[in-house]
Amino acid sequence: MIARLKKGEDFAKVAGEVTEDPSGKANGGDLGYFTKDQMVPEFAEAAFKLDAGQISDPVKTAIRLARHQSRRQTQ
């Protein structure tokens, strides 16, 4: 996913193709608006360090031993 995004592919398109989460497929990985306390700490820390439009490195969390990618859309 990272390589594809670095080449300029659309985040929503790539996320929709690679996610294993059915709701993620339906909305291109868009999680909607959330507060820091609504997410697991590892993901929240990564997401809230980003500037608008910036994409994080993969974030390992304990949720289903998954790796997550994050992109901040707005400030």
PDB file of N, CA and C in Angstrom:
ATOM      1  N   MET A   1       0.817  -1.178   0.000  1.00  0.00           N
ATOM      2  CA  MET A   1       0.000   0.000   0.000  1.00  0.00           C
ATOM      3  C   MET A   1       0.867   1.251   0.000  1.00  0.00           C
ATOM      4  N   ILE A   2       1.891   1.264   0.820  1.00  0.00           N
ATOM      5  CA  ILE A   2       2.749   2.452   0.911  1.00  0.00           C
ATOM      6  C   ILE A   2       3.392   2.758  -0.435  1.00  0.00           C
ATOM      7  N   ALA A   3       3.911   1.740  -1.082  1.00  0.00           N
ATOM      8  CA  ALA A   3       4.563   1.952  -2.380  1.00  0.00           C
ATOM      9  C   ALA A   3       3.579   2.538  -3.386  1.00  0.00           C
ATOM     10  N   ARG A   4       2.373   2.049  -3.392  1.00  0.00           N
ATOM     11  CA  ARG A   4       1.357   2.552  -4.321  1.00  0.00           C
ATOM     12  C   ARG A   4       0.999   4.004  -4.013  1.00  0.00           C
ATOM     13  N   LEU A   5       0.892   4.323  -2.727  1.00  0.00           N
ATOM     14  CA  LEU A   5       0.554   5.693  -2.352  1.00  0.00           C
ATOM     15  C   LEU A   5       1.688   6.657  -2.677  1.00  0.00           C
ATOM     16  N   LYS A   6       2.928   6.210  -2.483  1.00  0.00           N
ATOM     17  CA  LYS A   6       4.081   7.056  -2.812  1.00  0.00           C
ATOM     18  C   LYS A   6       4.177   7.331  -4.303  1.00  0.00           C
ATOM     19  N   LYS A   7       3.625   6.438  -5.113  1.00  0.00           N
ATOM     20  CA  LYS A   7       3.595   6.647  -6.565  1.00  0.00           C
ATOM     21  C   LYS A   7       2.455   7.573  -6.976  1.00  0.00           C
ATOM     22  N   GLY A   8       1.630   7.963  -5.999  1.00  0.00           N
ATOM     23  CA  GLY A   8       0.581   8.927  -6.278  1.00  0.00           C
ATOM     24  C   GLY A   8      -0.815   8.360  -6.448  1.00  0.00           C
ATOM     25  N   GLU A   9      -0.993   7.059  -6.188  1.00  0.00           N
ATOM     26  CA  GLU A   9      -2.332   6.491  -6.306  1.00  0.00           C
ATOM     27  C   GLU A   9      -3.252   7.082  -5.236  1.00  0.00           C
ATOM     28  N   ASP A  10      -4.532   7.097  -5.521  1.00  0.00           N
ATOM     29  CA  ASP A  10      -5.540   7.640  -4.634  1.00  0.00           C
ATOM     30  C   ASP A  10      -5.692   6.779  -3.377  1.00  0.00           C
ATOM     31  N   PHE A  11      -5.642   7.416  -2.193  1.00  0.00           N
ATOM     32  CA  PHE A  11      -5.733   6.701  -0.920  1.00  0.00           C
ATOM     33  C   PHE A  11      -7.006   5.869  -0.830  1.00  0.00           C
ATOM     34  N   ALA A  12      -8.146   6.467  -1.152  1.00  0.00           N
ATOM     35  CA  ALA A  12      -9.429   5.763  -1.025  1.00  0.00           C
ATOM     36  C   ALA A  12      -9.478   4.543  -1.940  1.00  0.00           C
ATOM     37  N   LYS A  13      -8.959   4.675  -3.139  1.00  0.00           N
ATOM     38  CA  LYS A  13      -8.963   3.555  -4.079  1.00  0.00           C
ATOM     39  C   LYS A  13      -8.098   2.410  -3.556  1.00  0.00           C
ATOM     40  N   VAL A  14      -6.888   2.723  -3.141  1.00  0.00           N
ATOM     41  CA  VAL A  14      -5.963   1.700  -2.644  1.00  0.00           C
ATOM     42  C   VAL A  14      -6.503   1.072  -1.360  1.00  0.00           C
ATOM     43  N   ALA A  15      -6.953   1.897  -0.427  1.00  0.00           N
ATOM     44  CA  ALA A  15      -7.477   1.372   0.838  1.00  0.00           C
ATOM     45  C   ALA A  15      -8.666   0.456   0.596  1.00  0.00           C
ATOM     46  N   GLY A  16      -9.549   0.842  -0.318  1.00  0.00           N
ATOM     47  CA  GLY A  16     -10.706   0.011  -0.637  1.00  0.00           C
ATOM     48  C   GLY A  16     -10.327  -1.328  -1.223  1.00  0.00           C
ATOM     49  N   GLU A  17      -9.202  -1.366  -1.951  1.00  0.00           N
ATOM     50  CA  GLU A  17      -8.749  -2.615  -2.562  1.00  0.00           C
ATOM     51  C   GLU A  17      -8.013  -3.526  -1.583  1.00  0.00           C
ATOM     52  N   VAL A  18      -7.257  -2.960  -0.653  1.00  0.00           N
ATOM     53  CA  VAL A  18      -6.398  -3.792   0.187  1.00  0.00           C
ATOM     54  C   VAL A  18      -6.966  -4.111   1.566  1.00  0.00           C
ATOM     55  N   THR A  19      -7.953  -3.366   2.014  1.00  0.00           N
ATOM     56  CA  THR A  19      -8.485  -3.617   3.350  1.00  0.00           C
ATOM     57  C   THR A  19      -9.235  -4.945   3.414  1.00  0.00           C
ATOM     58  N   GLU A  20      -9.201  -5.548   4.582  1.00  0.00           N
ATOM     59  CA  GLU A  20      -9.969  -6.770   4.822  1.00  0.00           C
ATOM     60  C   GLU A  20     -11.241  -6.457   5.603  1.00  0.00           C
ATOM     61  N   ASP A  21     -11.423  -5.200   5.962  1.00  0.00           N
ATOM     62  CA  ASP A  21     -12.596  -4.766   6.726  1.00  0.00           C
ATOM     63  C   ASP A  21     -13.712  -4.400   5.751  1.00  0.00           C
ATOM     64  N   PRO A  22     -14.858  -5.070   5.829  1.00  0.00           N
ATOM     65  CA  PRO A  22     -15.957  -4.781   4.898  1.00  0.00           C
ATOM     66  C   PRO A  22     -16.394  -3.313   4.894  1.00  0.00           C
ATOM     67  N   SER A  23     -16.431  -2.675   6.055  1.00  0.00           N
ATOM     68  CA  SER A  23     -16.827  -1.266   6.070  1.00  0.00           C
ATOM     69  C   SER A  23     -15.752  -0.393   5.442  1.00  0.00           C
ATOM     70  N   GLY A  24     -14.491  -0.794   5.561  1.00  0.00           N
ATOM     71  CA  GLY A  24     -13.406  -0.064   4.915  1.00  0.00           C
ATOM     72  C   GLY A  24     -13.477  -0.157   3.406  1.00  0.00           C
ATOM     73  N   LYS A  25     -13.849  -1.310   2.898  1.00  0.00           N
ATOM     74  CA  LYS A  25     -14.008  -1.483   1.448  1.00  0.00           C
ATOM     75  C   LYS A  25     -15.103  -0.569   0.916  1.00  0.00           C
ATOM     76  N   ALA A  26     -16.186  -0.457   1.676  1.00  0.00           N
ATOM     77  CA  ALA A  26     -17.340   0.321   1.230  1.00  0.00           C
ATOM     78  C   ALA A  26     -17.046   1.817   1.157  1.00  0.00           C
ATOM     79  N   ASN A  27     -16.139   2.305   2.003  1.00  0.00           N
ATOM     80  CA  ASN A  27     -15.908   3.759   2.033  1.00  0.00           C
ATOM     81  C   ASN A  27     -14.455   4.150   1.806  1.00  0.00           C
ATOM     82  N   GLY A  28     -13.681   3.294   1.173  1.00  0.00           N
ATOM     83  CA  GLY A  28     -12.298   3.633   0.848  1.00  0.00           C
ATOM     84  C   GLY A  28     -11.415   3.873   2.047  1.00  0.00           C
ATOM     85  N   GLY A  29     -11.693   3.185   3.133  1.00  0.00           N
ATOM     86  CA  GLY A  29     -10.862   3.316   4.322  1.00  0.00           C
ATOM     87  C   GLY A  29     -11.166   4.531   5.178  1.00  0.00           C
ATOM     88  N   ASP A  30     -12.166   5.319   4.803  1.00  0.00           N
ATOM     89  CA  ASP A  30     -12.500   6.518   5.562  1.00  0.00           C
ATOM     90  C   ASP A  30     -13.133   6.136   6.897  1.00  0.00           C
ATOM     91  N   LEU A  31     -12.516   6.541   7.995  1.00  0.00           N
ATOM     92  CA  LEU A  31     -13.026   6.241   9.335  1.00  0.00           C
ATOM     93  C   LEU A  31     -13.961   7.317   9.844  1.00  0.00           C
ATOM     94  N   GLY A  32     -14.132   8.369   9.082  1.00  0.00           N
ATOM     95  CA  GLY A  32     -14.945   9.486   9.544  1.00  0.00           C
ATOM     96  C   GLY A  32     -14.196  10.270  10.607  1.00  0.00           C
ATOM     97  N   TYR A  33     -14.896  11.159  11.266  1.00  0.00           N
ATOM     98  CA  TYR A  33     -14.266  11.957  12.314  1.00  0.00           C
ATOM     99  C   TYR A  33     -14.238  11.166  13.613  1.00  0.00           C
ATOM    100  N   PHE A  34     -13.134  11.275  14.328  1.00  0.00           N
ATOM    101  CA  PHE A  34     -13.030  10.600  15.616  1.00  0.00           C
ATOM    102  C   PHE A  34     -12.128  11.398  16.533  1.00  0.00           C
ATOM    103  N   THR A  35     -12.326  11.204  17.813  1.00  0.00           N
ATOM    104  CA  THR A  35     -11.467  11.847  18.802  1.00  0.00           C
ATOM    105  C   THR A  35     -10.365  10.873  19.194  1.00  0.00           C
ATOM    106  N   LYS A  36      -9.324  11.401  19.785  1.00  0.00           N
ATOM    107  CA  LYS A  36      -8.174  10.584  20.156  1.00  0.00           C
ATOM    108  C   LYS A  36      -8.549   9.443  21.083  1.00  0.00           C
ATOM    109  N   ASP A  37      -9.499   9.667  21.984  1.00  0.00           N
ATOM    110  CA  ASP A  37      -9.873   8.636  22.954  1.00  0.00           C
ATOM    111  C   ASP A  37     -10.798   7.563  22.359  1.00  0.00           C
ATOM    112  N   GLN A  38     -11.214   7.705  21.118  1.00  0.00           N
ATOM    113  CA  GLN A  38     -12.081   6.712  20.488  1.00  0.00           C
ATOM    114  C   GLN A  38     -11.297   5.603  19.780  1.00  0.00           C
ATOM    115  N   MET A  39     -10.003   5.749  19.664  1.00  0.00           N
ATOM    116  CA  MET A  39      -9.172   4.780  18.951  1.00  0.00           C
ATOM    117  C   MET A  39      -8.162   4.145  19.911  1.00  0.00           C
ATOM    118  N   VAL A  40      -7.615   3.003  19.506  1.00  0.00           N
ATOM    119  CA  VAL A  40      -6.570   2.387  20.322  1.00  0.00           C
ATOM    120  C   VAL A  40      -5.378   3.349  20.371  1.00  0.00           C
ATOM    121  N   PRO A  41      -4.641   3.367  21.477  1.00  0.00           N
ATOM    122  CA  PRO A  41      -3.580   4.354  21.666  1.00  0.00           C
ATOM    123  C   PRO A  41      -2.555   4.423  20.540  1.00  0.00           C
ATOM    124  N   GLU A  42      -2.096   3.283  20.027  1.00  0.00           N
ATOM    125  CA  GLU A  42      -1.071   3.298  18.974  1.00  0.00           C
ATOM    126  C   GLU A  42      -1.572   4.021  17.727  1.00  0.00           C
ATOM    127  N   PHE A  43      -2.809   3.740  17.357  1.00  0.00           N
ATOM    128  CA  PHE A  43      -3.386   4.355  16.168  1.00  0.00           C
ATOM    129  C   PHE A  43      -3.644   5.841  16.402  1.00  0.00           C
ATOM    130  N   ALA A  44      -4.194   6.178  17.557  1.00  0.00           N
ATOM    131  CA  ALA A  44      -4.496   7.571  17.867  1.00  0.00           C
ATOM    132  C   ALA A  44      -3.229   8.421  17.861  1.00  0.00           C
ATOM    133  N   GLU A  45      -2.154   7.917  18.462  1.00  0.00           N
ATOM    134  CA  GLU A  45      -0.893   8.666  18.494  1.00  0.00           C
ATOM    135  C   GLU A  45      -0.400   8.966  17.080  1.00  0.00           C
ATOM    136  N   ALA A  46      -0.430   7.956  16.220  1.00  0.00           N
ATOM    137  CA  ALA A  46       0.034   8.145  14.845  1.00  0.00           C
ATOM    138  C   ALA A  46      -0.867   9.117  14.092  1.00  0.00           C
ATOM    139  N   ALA A  47      -2.168   8.936  14.211  1.00  0.00           N
ATOM    140  CA  ALA A  47      -3.115   9.760  13.455  1.00  0.00           C
ATOM    141  C   ALA A  47      -3.049  11.232  13.850  1.00  0.00           C
ATOM    142  N   PHE A  48      -2.935  11.503  15.143  1.00  0.00           N
ATOM    143  CA  PHE A  48      -2.979  12.889  15.598  1.00  0.00           C
ATOM    144  C   PHE A  48      -1.630  13.612  15.494  1.00  0.00           C
ATOM    145  N   LYS A  49      -0.599  12.922  15.052  1.00  0.00           N
ATOM    146  CA  LYS A  49       0.684  13.575  14.777  1.00  0.00           C
ATOM    147  C   LYS A  49       0.758  14.070  13.342  1.00  0.00           C
ATOM    148  N   LEU A  50      -0.161  13.622  12.494  1.00  0.00           N
ATOM    149  CA  LEU A  50      -0.116  13.933  11.073  1.00  0.00           C
ATOM    150  C   LEU A  50      -0.626  15.335  10.763  1.00  0.00           C
ATOM    151  N   ASP A  51      -0.055  15.927   9.723  1.00  0.00           N
ATOM    152  CA  ASP A  51      -0.601  17.155   9.162  1.00  0.00           C
ATOM    153  C   ASP A  51      -1.656  16.752   8.137  1.00  0.00           C
ATOM    154  N   ALA A  52      -2.522  17.677   7.769  1.00  0.00           N
ATOM    155  CA  ALA A  52      -3.567  17.396   6.781  1.00  0.00           C
ATOM    156  C   ALA A  52      -2.941  16.853   5.496  1.00  0.00           C
ATOM    157  N   GLY A  53      -3.486  15.733   5.000  1.00  0.00           N
ATOM    158  CA  GLY A  53      -3.007  15.112   3.770  1.00  0.00           C
ATOM    159  C   GLY A  53      -1.833  14.177   3.943  1.00  0.00           C
ATOM    160  N   GLN A  54      -1.182  14.198   5.081  1.00  0.00           N
ATOM    161  CA  GLN A  54      -0.016  13.363   5.328  1.00  0.00           C
ATOM    162  C   GLN A  54      -0.451  11.926   5.616  1.00  0.00           C
ATOM    163  N   ILE A  55       0.365  10.957   5.191  1.00  0.00           N
ATOM    164  CA  ILE A  55       0.078   9.538   5.382  1.00  0.00           C
ATOM    165  C   ILE A  55       1.100   8.960   6.351  1.00  0.00           C
ATOM    166  N   SER A  56       0.625   8.187   7.316  1.00  0.00           N
ATOM    167  CA  SER A  56       1.519   7.607   8.321  1.00  0.00           C
ATOM    168  C   SER A  56       2.225   6.372   7.781  1.00  0.00           C
ATOM    169  N   ASP A  57       3.271   5.990   8.478  1.00  0.00           N
ATOM    170  CA  ASP A  57       3.862   4.670   8.275  1.00  0.00           C
ATOM    171  C   ASP A  57       2.878   3.664   8.854  1.00  0.00           C
ATOM    172  N   PRO A  58       3.025   2.374   8.556  1.00  0.00           N
ATOM    173  CA  PRO A  58       2.129   1.376   9.155  1.00  0.00           C
ATOM    174  C   PRO A  58       2.201   1.437  10.682  1.00  0.00           C
ATOM    175  N   VAL A  59       1.066   1.222  11.315  1.00  0.00           N
ATOM    176  CA  VAL A  59       0.961   1.246  12.768  1.00  0.00           C
ATOM    177  C   VAL A  59       0.482  -0.118  13.220  1.00  0.00           C
ATOM    178  N   LYS A  60       1.282  -0.789  14.029  1.00  0.00           N
ATOM    179  CA  LYS A  60       0.896  -2.107  14.540  1.00  0.00           C
ATOM    180  C   LYS A  60       0.085  -1.928  15.805  1.00  0.00           C
ATOM    181  N   THR A  61      -1.088  -2.557  15.837  1.00  0.00           N
ATOM    182  CA  THR A  61      -1.942  -2.515  17.020  1.00  0.00           C
ATOM    183  C   THR A  61      -2.301  -3.938  17.413  1.00  0.00           C
ATOM    184  N   ALA A  62      -2.892  -4.083  18.570  1.00  0.00           N
ATOM    185  CA  ALA A  62      -3.278  -5.405  19.048  1.00  0.00           C
ATOM    186  C   ALA A  62      -4.603  -5.878  18.453  1.00  0.00           C
ATOM    187  N   ILE A  63      -5.306  -5.018  17.771  1.00  0.00           N
ATOM    188  CA  ILE A  63      -6.598  -5.389  17.187  1.00  0.00           C
ATOM    189  C   ILE A  63      -6.376  -6.369  16.049  1.00  0.00           C
ATOM    190  N   ARG A  64      -6.805  -7.579  16.249  1.00  0.00           N
ATOM    191  CA  ARG A  64      -6.674  -8.653  15.270  1.00  0.00           C
ATOM    192  C   ARG A  64      -5.266  -8.719  14.679  1.00  0.00           C
ATOM    193  N   LEU A  65      -4.295  -8.319  15.459  1.00  0.00           N
ATOM    194  CA  LEU A  65      -2.906  -8.308  15.003  1.00  0.00           C
ATOM    195  C   LEU A  65      -2.777  -7.661  13.643  1.00  0.00           C
ATOM    196  N   ALA A  66      -3.498  -6.583  13.461  1.00  0.00           N
ATOM    197  CA  ALA A  66      -3.532  -5.894  12.165  1.00  0.00           C
ATOM    198  C   ALA A  66      -2.517  -4.764  12.118  1.00  0.00           C
ATOM    199  N   ARG A  67      -2.221  -4.357  10.914  1.00  0.00           N
ATOM    200  CA  ARG A  67      -1.431  -3.146  10.696  1.00  0.00           C
ATOM    201  C   ARG A  67      -2.357  -2.142  10.049  1.00  0.00           C
ATOM    202  N   HIS A  68      -2.242  -0.894  10.471  1.00  0.00           N
ATOM    203  CA  HIS A  68      -3.142   0.137   9.998  1.00  0.00           C
ATOM    204  C   HIS A  68      -2.355   1.266   9.363  1.00  0.00           C
ATOM    205  N   GLN A  69      -2.954   1.881   8.394  1.00  0.00           N
ATOM    206  CA  GLN A  69      -2.392   3.047   7.726  1.00  0.00           C
ATOM    207  C   GLN A  69      -3.332   4.192   8.020  1.00  0.00           C
ATOM    208  N   SER A  70      -2.821   5.363   8.181  1.00  0.00           N
ATOM    209  CA  SER A  70      -3.657   6.496   8.520  1.00  0.00           C
ATOM    210  C   SER A  70      -3.328   7.676   7.616  1.00  0.00           C
ATOM    211  N   ARG A  71      -4.371   8.427   7.235  1.00  0.00           N
ATOM    212  CA  ARG A  71      -4.174   9.673   6.504  1.00  0.00           C
ATOM    213  C   ARG A  71      -5.066  10.716   7.140  1.00  0.00           C
ATOM    214  N   ARG A  72      -4.473  11.817   7.492  1.00  0.00           N
ATOM    215  CA  ARG A  72      -5.267  12.899   8.084  1.00  0.00           C
ATOM    216  C   ARG A  72      -5.813  13.763   6.967  1.00  0.00           C
ATOM    217  N   GLN A  73      -7.132  13.984   6.980  1.00  0.00           N
ATOM    218  CA  GLN A  73      -7.757  14.750   5.919  1.00  0.00           C
ATOM    219  C   GLN A  73      -7.925  16.217   6.249  1.00  0.00           C
ATOM    220  N   THR A  74      -8.261  16.547   7.477  1.00  0.00           N
ATOM    221  CA  THR A  74      -8.488  17.944   7.844  1.00  0.00           C
ATOM    222  C   THR A  74      -7.788  18.255   9.148  1.00  0.00           C
ATOM    223  N   GLN A  75      -7.743  19.545   9.468  1.00  0.00           N
ATOM    224  CA  GLN A  75      -7.092  19.962  10.705  1.00  0.00           C
ATOM    225  C   GLN A  75      -8.025  19.896  11.828  1.00  0.00           C
TER     226      GLN A  75
END
